[in-house]
Amino acid sequence: MQDRLYARSTGDLTPQALARSTTTELLRSFTHAPQHRFDGETDEQGISRTASIWAHRAGVNALALDKFDGRHLLSGGADGALRLWDLDHCGNPHERHTFRPIADVPRSARDSTDGHKHGITHLGFYPFDSDAFVSSSFDRTLKLWSTKQMRTSASFDLETVIHSHATSPLPGHLLVACATQHSAVRLVDLKSGSAVQSLAAQGGAVLSVAWSPRHEHVLASGHADGGVRVWDVRRASGVIGMLDHEDSLGIVHRFDHAMASGMSWDDGPHSRAAARAHDDSVNGLCWTDDGKYLVSAGLDRRIRVWDAATGANTLASFGSIVQNSSAGTASLFASPSGLTAGHRDLLFWPNEQEILVLDLHEGTLLTRLRVPGPPNVASGQAAGGLNIKNRTMSMVWRGAGGQGLQNGTIMGSGSSFGAILTAHLDGQIRVWMPQLPGPEDDDPQEAAPDDDDEDAKQRKRKAVDDAFKSLMGRQVTFT
């Protein structure tokens, strides 16, 4: 770091190059920050516990962070409860702090209009106003909420399970795309208050949807048959094309071939009828925030990167380390474009009980962020009915301010601390922060040791003490 600062002072290194090299190191140095905990439960007397705390006791299914200030975090539980957290309540990110919800919507009763009756599947703040957010649930409803009042402004019964939803980051329309158990992508217009359109396909259930951050009417959807379809919602036919993992050349090559062969480009299909992006269901989609690449993930344990301009498979290989066995929508995201040296964007992938930091274009593994807690999958449930498997269910990026793009991944305000927040099936919301360089920086893990590590240390101390007492309590006779 000192060498780079010296090079910057002598003019050998530009400010942009210094910023990118420093950011590259920070992005590769994320580690668990156990000093931050989220307590959303209280006992019968209304007093929060000091040990074994949970954000949602039944498990955390979804997270959403407002993109303007990165201040409000929204969490959805497996029991249908919603909780709102204020991240600015933490003054010093390196000191121990327990967040508590500033608003709470419990699971809905049968005769209640607010709240969801079953587990939350997806959450998302309205892209242009953090005072509104959208939620979906296994109860087959999509709800629009007021953040300040935590009350529903509109509710839509789609009569089928909603796996996830997406709102365009561009201001051209107010359509919410819903990935449902039905084979059609459902579009809900928040302006008119009705389900205005269905994008029909024959690919089975829709597991993931993602709007392009560059073209307001372009939508990508992932299907149970392994297909990734790209739609123009203005067109009657809808589908622009299907991504094909065997196609590494793209639509431009096919256009040139059609012209050279004297074929009509407008009359024929622009992709193979048997085109498939994956060999199994596609349950994860995300765009890079500049809209140049689309990333897809499937239950075939493959992650593929696609050139958005041509539809070509870039052939990035992520190897056999990718784990993806849950039929639910996978939460993945790419780092904001232009942050790293050489524009080597990073991909964050929830790999069951760990988070992988991967090079987006090379597929190489850079960092493993291991989730603390029981390492083995439990066949049953722990005491109190809590499933102890700590699978990562959702992830959000919280930037630390600075100059960023208007669309895509959240950048945050200048007063926020940079972090990744993750939701887990064991009921915890965990925080991951980059390690700041410099010998004088305090180690947050030393200041606030992980509870799981502390329990293990206490058990070891007790075992040693018991062995010592048993030896010292015996009378030793020398003969």
Protein backbone atom coordinates (compact mmCIF):
# COMPACT_ATOMS: atom_id res chain seq x y z
CA MET A 1 0.00 0.00 0.00
CA GLN A 2 2.81 2.41 0.88
CA ASP A 3 4.48 1.66 -2.45
CA ARG A 4 1.30 2.57 -4.30
CA LEU A 5 0.88 5.78 -2.31
CA TYR A 6 4.46 6.74 -3.13
CA ALA A 7 3.90 5.96 -6.82
CA ARG A 8 0.77 8.09 -6.73
CA SER A 9 2.63 11.01 -5.12
CA THR A 10 5.34 10.87 -7.79
CA GLY A 11 2.80 10.69 -10.61
CA ASP A 12 3.72 7.15 -11.67
CA LEU A 13 0.24 5.92 -10.73
CA THR A 14 -3.01 7.64 -11.66
CA PRO A 15 -5.74 8.16 -9.04
CA GLN A 16 -7.99 5.76 -10.94
CA ALA A 17 -5.33 3.03 -11.00
CA LEU A 18 -4.66 3.52 -7.27
CA ALA A 19 -8.36 3.25 -6.49
CA ARG A 20 -8.81 0.10 -8.57
CA SER A 21 -5.75 -1.68 -7.14
CA THR A 22 -6.84 -0.87 -3.59
CA THR A 23 -10.42 -1.93 -4.26
CA THR A 24 -9.20 -5.18 -5.80
CA GLU A 25 -7.40 -6.06 -2.57
CA LEU A 26 -10.44 -5.16 -0.48
CA LEU A 27 -12.80 -7.24 -2.61
CA ARG A 28 -10.55 -10.26 -2.13
CA SER A 29 -10.19 -9.80 1.63
CA PHE A 30 -13.79 -10.25 2.79
CA THR A 31 -14.16 -12.11 6.05
CA HIS A 32 -16.92 -12.80 8.55
CA ALA A 33 -17.63 -9.87 10.89
CA PRO A 34 -19.04 -11.56 14.02
CA GLN A 35 -19.28 -8.25 15.88
CA HIS A 36 -22.48 -7.54 13.92
CA ARG A 37 -25.54 -9.55 14.94
CA PHE A 38 -29.25 -9.29 14.18
CA ASP A 39 -31.76 -10.00 16.95
CA GLY A 40 -35.36 -10.12 15.81
CA GLU A 41 -36.75 -12.32 18.57
CA THR A 42 -37.93 -11.51 22.09
CA ASP A 43 -39.00 -13.72 24.97
CA GLU A 44 -42.49 -13.77 26.47
CA GLN A 45 -41.74 -10.71 28.63
CA GLY A 46 -40.62 -8.73 25.58
CA ILE A 47 -36.96 -8.76 26.63
CA SER A 48 -34.40 -9.54 23.97
CA ARG A 49 -32.09 -12.46 24.71
CA THR A 50 -28.35 -12.09 25.00
CA ALA A 51 -27.44 -15.54 23.71
CA SER A 52 -28.59 -17.72 20.82
CA ILE A 53 -30.24 -14.86 19.00
CA TRP A 54 -31.92 -15.09 15.60
CA ALA A 55 -33.04 -12.58 13.04
CA HIS A 56 -35.89 -15.00 12.20
CA ARG A 57 -36.15 -18.11 14.32
CA ALA A 58 -37.78 -20.11 11.52
CA GLY A 59 -35.00 -19.18 9.08
CA VAL A 60 -34.27 -16.20 6.83
CA ASN A 61 -35.39 -16.69 3.23
CA ALA A 62 -34.78 -13.30 1.61
CA LEU A 63 -32.98 -9.96 1.99
CA ALA A 64 -33.29 -6.60 0.22
CA LEU A 65 -31.31 -3.38 0.66
CA ASP A 66 -32.36 0.06 -0.53
CA LYS A 67 -30.05 1.30 -3.30
CA PHE A 68 -30.05 5.00 -2.37
CA ASP A 69 -28.36 5.13 1.03
CA GLY A 70 -27.82 1.46 1.76
CA ARG A 71 -29.44 2.18 5.10
CA HIS A 72 -32.57 0.06 5.33
CA LEU A 73 -32.31 -3.72 5.22
CA LEU A 74 -35.44 -5.78 4.73
CA SER A 75 -35.60 -9.44 5.74
CA GLY A 76 -38.23 -12.10 5.12
CA GLY A 77 -38.61 -15.23 7.18
CA ALA A 78 -39.58 -18.79 6.37
CA ASP A 79 -42.64 -18.21 8.56
CA GLY A 80 -43.86 -15.26 6.45
CA ALA A 81 -42.72 -12.50 8.82
CA LEU A 82 -41.09 -9.29 7.54
CA ARG A 83 -38.59 -7.17 9.47
CA LEU A 84 -37.00 -3.81 8.70
CA TRP A 85 -33.52 -2.94 10.05
CA ASP A 86 -31.65 0.37 10.16
CA LEU A 87 -27.97 -0.29 9.44
CA ASP A 88 -27.00 3.28 10.38
CA HIS A 89 -27.67 2.42 14.03
CA CYS A 90 -24.14 1.04 14.09
CA GLY A 91 -21.77 3.95 14.68
CA ASN A 92 -18.45 2.10 14.39
CA PRO A 93 -18.46 -0.95 12.09
CA HIS A 94 -15.50 -2.47 13.96
CA GLU A 95 -17.21 -2.48 17.36
CA ARG A 96 -19.69 -5.03 18.66
CA HIS A 97 -23.28 -4.13 17.78
CA THR A 98 -26.60 -5.96 17.84
CA PHE A 99 -29.16 -4.72 15.35
CA ARG A 100 -32.83 -4.86 16.28
CA PRO A 101 -35.77 -4.35 13.91
CA ILE A 102 -37.34 -0.91 13.67
CA ALA A 103 -40.51 -2.43 12.19
CA ASP A 104 -42.00 -5.90 12.27
CA VAL A 105 -44.84 -7.48 10.29
CA PRO A 106 -45.73 -10.91 11.71
CA ARG A 107 -47.19 -13.78 9.78
CA SER A 108 -50.68 -12.91 8.59
CA ALA A 109 -53.80 -14.37 10.13
CA ARG A 110 -56.44 -15.83 7.85
CA ASP A 111 -58.72 -12.79 8.02
CA SER A 112 -55.94 -10.21 7.72
CA THR A 113 -55.03 -8.35 4.52
CA ASP A 114 -51.53 -7.33 5.64
CA GLY A 115 -48.67 -9.76 5.80
CA HIS A 116 -48.06 -13.11 4.14
CA LYS A 117 -49.56 -16.41 5.24
CA HIS A 118 -46.57 -18.53 4.21
CA GLY A 119 -42.81 -18.18 3.79
CA ILE A 120 -41.28 -15.26 1.90
CA THR A 121 -39.68 -16.15 -1.43
CA HIS A 122 -38.25 -12.81 -2.60
CA LEU A 123 -37.97 -9.15 -1.58
CA GLY A 124 -37.05 -6.04 -3.53
CA PHE A 125 -37.10 -2.30 -2.89
CA TYR A 126 -38.67 -0.11 -5.55
CA PRO A 127 -35.67 1.06 -7.66
CA PHE A 128 -36.58 4.76 -7.60
CA ASP A 129 -38.09 5.18 -4.15
CA SER A 130 -36.91 3.37 -1.02
CA ASP A 131 -40.28 4.20 0.60
CA ALA A 132 -41.82 1.26 -1.28
CA PHE A 133 -40.91 -2.39 -1.65
CA VAL A 134 -42.35 -5.55 -3.19
CA SER A 135 -42.59 -8.99 -1.61
CA SER A 136 -43.63 -12.42 -2.85
CA SER A 137 -44.50 -15.55 -0.94
CA PHE A 138 -45.45 -19.20 -1.11
CA ASP A 139 -49.01 -18.01 -0.42
CA ARG A 140 -49.15 -17.11 -4.15
CA THR A 141 -49.40 -13.36 -3.61
CA LEU A 142 -47.29 -10.40 -4.68
CA LYS A 143 -47.60 -7.39 -2.37
CA LEU A 144 -46.59 -3.74 -2.69
CA TRP A 145 -45.70 -2.13 0.65
CA SER A 146 -45.13 1.29 2.16
CA THR A 147 -41.77 1.18 3.93
CA LYS A 148 -42.61 3.92 6.44
CA GLN A 149 -45.95 2.47 7.50
CA MET A 150 -45.11 -1.21 6.80
CA ARG A 151 -48.59 -1.69 5.38
CA THR A 152 -49.65 -3.08 2.03
CA SER A 153 -50.59 -0.65 -0.73
CA ALA A 154 -51.65 -3.36 -3.18
CA SER A 155 -51.90 -7.13 -3.29
CA PHE A 156 -51.99 -9.43 -6.33
CA ASP A 157 -53.09 -13.06 -6.15
CA LEU A 158 -51.36 -14.85 -9.04
CA GLU A 159 -52.90 -18.24 -8.11
CA THR A 160 -49.54 -19.99 -8.37
CA VAL A 161 -46.36 -20.10 -6.27
CA ILE A 162 -44.07 -17.14 -6.96
CA HIS A 163 -40.41 -18.17 -6.83
CA SER A 164 -38.99 -14.68 -7.34
CA HIS A 165 -39.74 -11.33 -8.94
CA ALA A 166 -37.82 -8.45 -10.50
CA THR A 167 -38.44 -4.76 -11.14
CA SER A 168 -36.63 -2.97 -13.95
CA PRO A 169 -33.88 -0.57 -12.78
CA LEU A 170 -34.83 1.77 -15.65
CA PRO A 171 -37.76 4.20 -15.37
CA GLY A 172 -39.59 3.30 -18.58
CA HIS A 173 -42.37 1.26 -16.95
CA LEU A 174 -43.67 -0.10 -13.65
CA LEU A 175 -43.80 -3.77 -14.59
CA VAL A 176 -42.87 -6.45 -12.06
CA ALA A 177 -41.81 -9.73 -13.68
CA CYS A 178 -42.73 -12.80 -11.63
CA ALA A 179 -41.11 -16.22 -11.91
CA THR A 180 -43.90 -18.64 -11.03
CA GLN A 181 -44.58 -22.35 -10.80
CA HIS A 182 -46.59 -21.88 -13.99
CA SER A 183 -44.70 -22.06 -17.29
CA ALA A 184 -45.47 -18.41 -18.14
CA VAL A 185 -43.67 -15.33 -16.86
CA ARG A 186 -46.31 -13.09 -15.28
CA LEU A 187 -46.04 -9.31 -15.61
CA VAL A 188 -47.79 -7.15 -13.00
CA ASP A 189 -48.26 -3.44 -13.72
CA LEU A 190 -48.02 -1.46 -10.48
CA LYS A 191 -49.40 1.61 -12.24
CA SER A 192 -52.67 0.04 -13.37
CA GLY A 193 -52.83 -2.48 -10.53
CA SER A 194 -53.39 -5.54 -12.70
CA ALA A 195 -51.59 -8.55 -14.14
CA VAL A 196 -51.32 -7.22 -17.67
CA GLN A 197 -49.40 -9.88 -19.56
CA SER A 198 -48.15 -13.45 -19.55
CA LEU A 199 -45.03 -14.42 -21.48
CA ALA A 200 -45.94 -17.94 -22.52
CA ALA A 201 -43.26 -20.61 -22.83
CA GLN A 202 -43.15 -24.41 -22.86
CA GLY A 203 -40.22 -24.76 -20.52
CA GLY A 204 -41.92 -25.77 -17.29
CA ALA A 205 -41.78 -23.69 -14.12
CA VAL A 206 -39.99 -20.33 -14.21
CA LEU A 207 -37.40 -20.16 -11.43
CA SER A 208 -35.64 -16.84 -12.04
CA VAL A 209 -36.11 -13.52 -13.85
CA ALA A 210 -33.84 -10.50 -14.38
CA TRP A 211 -34.36 -7.20 -16.24
CA SER A 212 -31.59 -5.76 -18.38
CA PRO A 213 -29.99 -2.64 -16.80
CA ARG A 214 -29.44 -1.15 -20.28
CA HIS A 215 -32.65 -1.91 -22.20
CA GLU A 216 -35.82 -1.25 -20.25
CA HIS A 217 -38.00 -3.73 -22.15
CA VAL A 218 -35.55 -6.66 -22.24
CA LEU A 219 -36.13 -9.44 -19.73
CA ALA A 220 -34.30 -12.75 -19.15
CA SER A 221 -36.00 -15.77 -17.59
CA GLY A 222 -34.66 -19.13 -16.39
CA HIS A 223 -36.82 -22.24 -16.78
CA ALA A 224 -37.05 -25.76 -15.43
CA ASP A 225 -36.16 -27.26 -18.82
CA GLY A 226 -32.70 -25.64 -18.70
CA GLY A 227 -33.62 -22.82 -21.05
CA VAL A 228 -32.81 -19.13 -20.66
CA ARG A 229 -35.20 -17.05 -22.74
CA VAL A 230 -34.67 -13.39 -23.59
CA TRP A 231 -37.85 -11.37 -24.08
CA ASP A 232 -38.86 -8.01 -25.48
CA VAL A 233 -42.06 -7.33 -23.53
CA ARG A 234 -43.29 -4.91 -26.21
CA ARG A 235 -43.43 -7.58 -28.91
CA ALA A 236 -46.45 -9.79 -29.52
CA SER A 237 -44.26 -12.86 -30.00
CA GLY A 238 -42.22 -11.89 -26.98
CA VAL A 239 -39.15 -14.13 -27.24
CA ILE A 240 -36.09 -12.55 -28.84
CA GLY A 241 -34.07 -15.73 -28.57
CA MET A 242 -32.86 -18.60 -26.38
CA LEU A 243 -29.34 -18.93 -25.04
CA ASP A 244 -27.45 -21.99 -26.22
CA HIS A 245 -24.47 -23.35 -24.29
CA GLU A 246 -23.16 -24.88 -27.54
CA ASP A 247 -23.07 -21.46 -29.23
CA SER A 248 -19.81 -19.60 -28.59
CA LEU A 249 -20.13 -17.34 -31.66
CA GLY A 250 -23.44 -15.59 -31.16
CA ILE A 251 -26.13 -13.97 -33.23
CA VAL A 252 -23.71 -11.82 -35.28
CA HIS A 253 -22.02 -14.92 -36.70
CA ARG A 254 -25.39 -16.48 -37.54
CA PHE A 255 -26.49 -13.24 -39.24
CA ASP A 256 -23.34 -13.17 -41.39
CA HIS A 257 -23.85 -16.83 -42.27
CA ALA A 258 -27.48 -16.18 -43.28
CA MET A 259 -26.49 -13.25 -45.48
CA ALA A 260 -23.73 -15.24 -47.16
CA SER A 261 -26.13 -18.11 -47.83
CA GLY A 262 -28.80 -15.84 -49.29
CA MET A 263 -31.27 -16.74 -46.52
CA SER A 264 -33.84 -14.32 -45.14
CA TRP A 265 -32.86 -13.33 -41.59
CA ASP A 266 -36.37 -12.15 -40.69
CA ASP A 267 -38.18 -15.32 -41.74
CA GLY A 268 -36.19 -17.95 -39.85
CA PRO A 269 -35.64 -18.53 -36.13
CA HIS A 270 -32.67 -16.80 -34.54
CA SER A 271 -31.78 -19.74 -32.29
CA ARG A 272 -31.92 -23.53 -32.36
CA ALA A 273 -35.25 -25.06 -31.40
CA ALA A 274 -33.37 -27.38 -29.02
CA ALA A 275 -31.19 -24.61 -27.58
CA ARG A 276 -30.53 -24.99 -23.86
CA ALA A 277 -28.40 -22.88 -21.57
CA HIS A 278 -28.06 -25.67 -19.00
CA ASP A 279 -28.68 -29.40 -18.72
CA ASP A 280 -31.01 -28.90 -15.75
CA SER A 281 -33.26 -26.22 -14.27
CA VAL A 282 -31.96 -22.63 -14.35
CA ASN A 283 -32.51 -21.14 -10.90
CA GLY A 284 -30.18 -18.14 -10.95
CA LEU A 285 -29.82 -15.11 -13.24
CA CYS A 286 -28.05 -11.78 -12.87
CA TRP A 287 -26.74 -9.04 -15.15
CA THR A 288 -23.54 -7.12 -14.67
CA ASP A 289 -24.49 -3.55 -13.81
CA ASP A 290 -23.21 -2.26 -17.17
CA GLY A 291 -25.52 -4.71 -18.94
CA LYS A 292 -22.76 -6.27 -21.03
CA TYR A 293 -22.98 -9.76 -19.56
CA LEU A 294 -25.68 -12.08 -18.26
CA VAL A 295 -24.78 -14.78 -15.73
CA SER A 296 -26.87 -17.95 -15.36
CA ALA A 297 -26.71 -20.80 -12.84
CA GLY A 298 -28.38 -24.19 -13.06
CA LEU A 299 -29.00 -27.32 -11.06
CA ASP A 300 -26.46 -29.01 -13.36
CA ARG A 301 -23.88 -27.28 -11.12
CA ARG A 302 -22.74 -25.01 -13.91
CA ILE A 303 -22.39 -21.24 -14.03
CA ARG A 304 -22.25 -19.67 -17.47
CA VAL A 305 -21.47 -16.12 -18.60
CA TRP A 306 -23.14 -14.79 -21.75
CA ASP A 307 -22.28 -11.87 -23.99
CA ALA A 308 -25.45 -9.77 -23.88
CA ALA A 309 -24.79 -8.18 -27.27
CA THR A 310 -24.49 -11.45 -29.20
CA GLY A 311 -25.96 -14.12 -26.92
CA ALA A 312 -22.72 -16.10 -27.17
CA ASN A 313 -21.43 -18.36 -24.42
CA THR A 314 -18.13 -16.81 -23.27
CA LEU A 315 -16.96 -20.30 -22.19
CA ALA A 316 -15.92 -19.14 -18.72
CA SER A 317 -15.27 -22.33 -16.75
CA PHE A 318 -15.92 -22.39 -13.00
CA GLY A 319 -14.93 -26.03 -12.53
CA SER A 320 -16.50 -28.61 -10.26
CA ILE A 321 -16.52 -26.56 -7.05
CA VAL A 322 -19.97 -25.10 -7.72
CA GLN A 323 -22.72 -26.62 -5.56
CA ASN A 324 -26.35 -25.98 -6.49
CA SER A 325 -28.94 -28.46 -5.27
CA SER A 326 -31.84 -26.28 -4.09
CA ALA A 327 -34.78 -25.89 -6.47
CA GLY A 328 -35.41 -22.39 -5.13
CA THR A 329 -34.09 -19.23 -6.75
CA ALA A 330 -30.34 -18.81 -6.19
CA SER A 331 -29.06 -15.41 -5.08
CA LEU A 332 -25.90 -14.39 -6.95
CA PHE A 333 -24.42 -11.06 -7.96
CA ALA A 334 -21.43 -9.53 -9.72
CA SER A 335 -19.28 -6.77 -8.27
CA PRO A 336 -19.92 -3.27 -9.69
CA SER A 337 -18.15 -2.79 -13.01
CA GLY A 338 -14.89 -0.84 -13.07
CA LEU A 339 -13.98 -1.36 -9.41
CA THR A 340 -11.12 -3.76 -9.99
CA ALA A 341 -7.78 -3.48 -11.76
CA GLY A 342 -8.02 -4.62 -15.36
CA HIS A 343 -11.82 -4.56 -15.08
CA ARG A 344 -11.76 -8.13 -13.76
CA ASP A 345 -15.24 -8.23 -12.27
CA LEU A 346 -15.97 -10.69 -9.49
CA LEU A 347 -18.89 -13.06 -9.04
CA PHE A 348 -20.26 -13.91 -5.58
CA TRP A 349 -21.95 -17.30 -5.43
CA PRO A 350 -23.75 -18.90 -2.41
CA ASN A 351 -22.17 -22.35 -2.41
CA GLU A 352 -24.39 -24.09 0.15
CA GLN A 353 -22.51 -23.43 3.44
CA GLU A 354 -19.89 -21.13 1.98
CA ILE A 355 -19.69 -18.14 -0.36
CA LEU A 356 -17.36 -18.34 -3.33
CA VAL A 357 -15.67 -15.24 -4.75
CA LEU A 358 -14.88 -16.04 -8.38
CA ASP A 359 -13.32 -14.26 -11.33
CA LEU A 360 -16.33 -13.57 -13.55
CA HIS A 361 -14.55 -14.09 -16.87
CA GLU A 362 -11.86 -16.64 -16.01
CA GLY A 363 -13.87 -18.71 -13.53
CA THR A 364 -10.94 -19.02 -11.11
CA LEU A 365 -11.60 -19.22 -7.38
CA LEU A 366 -10.29 -16.21 -5.47
CA THR A 367 -11.72 -16.59 -1.97
CA ARG A 368 -13.88 -18.96 0.06
CA LEU A 369 -16.02 -17.32 2.74
CA ARG A 370 -16.97 -20.15 5.07
CA VAL A 371 -20.22 -19.74 6.97
CA PRO A 372 -19.69 -20.38 10.70
CA GLY A 373 -21.86 -22.94 12.39
CA PRO A 374 -22.47 -26.68 12.24
CA PRO A 375 -20.68 -28.00 9.13
CA ASN A 376 -22.87 -31.07 8.59
CA VAL A 377 -26.35 -31.29 7.16
CA ALA A 378 -28.85 -32.32 9.79
CA SER A 379 -31.44 -34.91 8.85
CA GLY A 380 -33.78 -33.70 11.54
CA GLN A 381 -34.11 -30.54 13.57
CA ALA A 382 -32.28 -29.13 16.52
CA ALA A 383 -33.83 -28.44 19.90
CA GLY A 384 -36.63 -25.91 19.69
CA GLY A 385 -37.56 -26.97 16.15
CA LEU A 386 -34.80 -24.97 14.44
CA ASN A 387 -33.23 -26.54 11.36
CA ILE A 388 -29.48 -26.29 11.98
CA LYS A 389 -28.41 -26.35 8.34
CA ASN A 390 -26.89 -22.91 7.66
CA ARG A 391 -27.40 -22.73 3.90
CA THR A 392 -27.07 -19.26 2.38
CA MET A 393 -30.50 -18.24 1.09
CA SER A 394 -29.94 -14.64 -0.05
CA MET A 395 -27.15 -12.06 -0.41
CA VAL A 396 -27.03 -8.29 -0.80
CA TRP A 397 -24.13 -5.94 -1.52
CA ARG A 398 -23.71 -2.78 0.55
CA GLY A 399 -21.25 -0.31 -0.93
CA ALA A 400 -19.37 2.31 1.05
CA GLY A 401 -20.30 5.28 -1.10
CA GLY A 402 -18.15 6.88 -3.74
CA GLN A 403 -18.75 7.36 -7.43
CA GLY A 404 -20.94 4.62 -8.83
CA LEU A 405 -23.39 3.80 -11.55
CA GLN A 406 -27.04 4.72 -11.24
CA ASN A 407 -28.24 1.20 -11.94
CA GLY A 408 -27.37 -2.26 -10.76
CA THR A 409 -25.73 -3.19 -7.50
CA ILE A 410 -26.28 -0.95 -4.50
CA MET A 411 -23.53 1.58 -3.91
CA GLY A 412 -24.60 3.03 -0.55
CA SER A 413 -23.95 6.42 1.01
CA GLY A 414 -20.67 7.98 2.05
CA SER A 415 -21.37 7.22 5.72
CA SER A 416 -22.09 3.50 5.22
CA PHE A 417 -19.60 0.69 5.72
CA GLY A 418 -18.91 -1.65 2.83
CA ALA A 419 -20.20 -5.16 3.45
CA ILE A 420 -22.00 -8.20 2.13
CA LEU A 421 -25.03 -9.28 4.12
CA THR A 422 -26.29 -12.85 3.86
CA ALA A 423 -29.45 -14.64 4.99
CA HIS A 424 -29.27 -18.20 6.26
CA LEU A 425 -31.61 -21.07 6.91
CA ASP A 426 -30.41 -21.29 10.52
CA GLY A 427 -32.14 -17.97 11.28
CA GLN A 428 -29.07 -15.73 11.14
CA ILE A 429 -28.21 -12.64 9.12
CA ARG A 430 -24.43 -12.50 8.81
CA VAL A 431 -22.15 -9.63 7.83
CA TRP A 432 -18.96 -9.94 5.79
CA MET A 433 -16.52 -7.05 5.62
CA PRO A 434 -13.16 -6.46 3.90
CA GLN A 435 -10.08 -6.42 6.07
CA LEU A 436 -8.57 -2.95 6.01
CA PRO A 437 -4.79 -2.93 5.40
CA GLY A 438 -2.38 -1.60 7.99
CA PRO A 439 -0.78 -2.99 11.16
CA GLU A 440 -2.52 -0.47 13.40
CA ASP A 441 -6.03 -1.59 12.49
CA ASP A 442 -7.87 -3.53 15.16
CA ASP A 443 -8.89 -7.07 14.30
CA PRO A 444 -12.67 -7.23 14.70
CA GLN A 445 -12.51 -10.98 15.20
CA GLU A 446 -10.30 -10.48 18.24
CA ALA A 447 -12.58 -7.77 19.59
CA ALA A 448 -15.71 -9.84 19.08
CA PRO A 449 -15.00 -13.57 18.80
CA ASP A 450 -17.51 -15.78 17.06
CA ASP A 451 -19.98 -17.43 19.44
CA ASP A 452 -19.43 -20.82 17.80
CA ASP A 453 -15.66 -20.56 18.33
CA GLU A 454 -16.19 -19.46 21.93
CA ASP A 455 -18.45 -22.45 22.62
CA ALA A 456 -15.85 -24.81 21.17
CA LYS A 457 -13.11 -23.23 23.29
CA GLN A 458 -15.23 -23.54 26.43
CA ARG A 459 -15.89 -27.22 25.75
CA LYS A 460 -12.18 -27.87 25.27
CA ARG A 461 -11.32 -26.01 28.50
CA LYS A 462 -13.92 -28.03 30.41
CA ALA A 463 -12.55 -31.31 29.04
CA VAL A 464 -9.00 -30.35 30.06
CA ASP A 465 -10.17 -29.20 33.51
CA ASP A 466 -12.07 -32.45 34.08
CA ALA A 467 -9.04 -34.51 33.07
CA PHE A 468 -6.79 -32.44 35.36
CA LYS A 469 -9.17 -32.79 38.32
CA SER A 470 -9.53 -36.54 37.82
CA LEU A 471 -5.75 -36.95 37.82
CA MET A 472 -5.14 -34.66 40.79
CA GLY A 473 -7.92 -36.31 42.78
CA ARG A 474 -6.27 -39.70 42.66
CA GLN A 475 -3.64 -40.80 45.13
CA VAL A 476 -0.59 -41.97 43.24
CA THR A 477 1.51 -44.69 44.96
CA PHE A 478 5.10 -45.16 43.90
CA THR A 479 6.55 -48.67 44.38
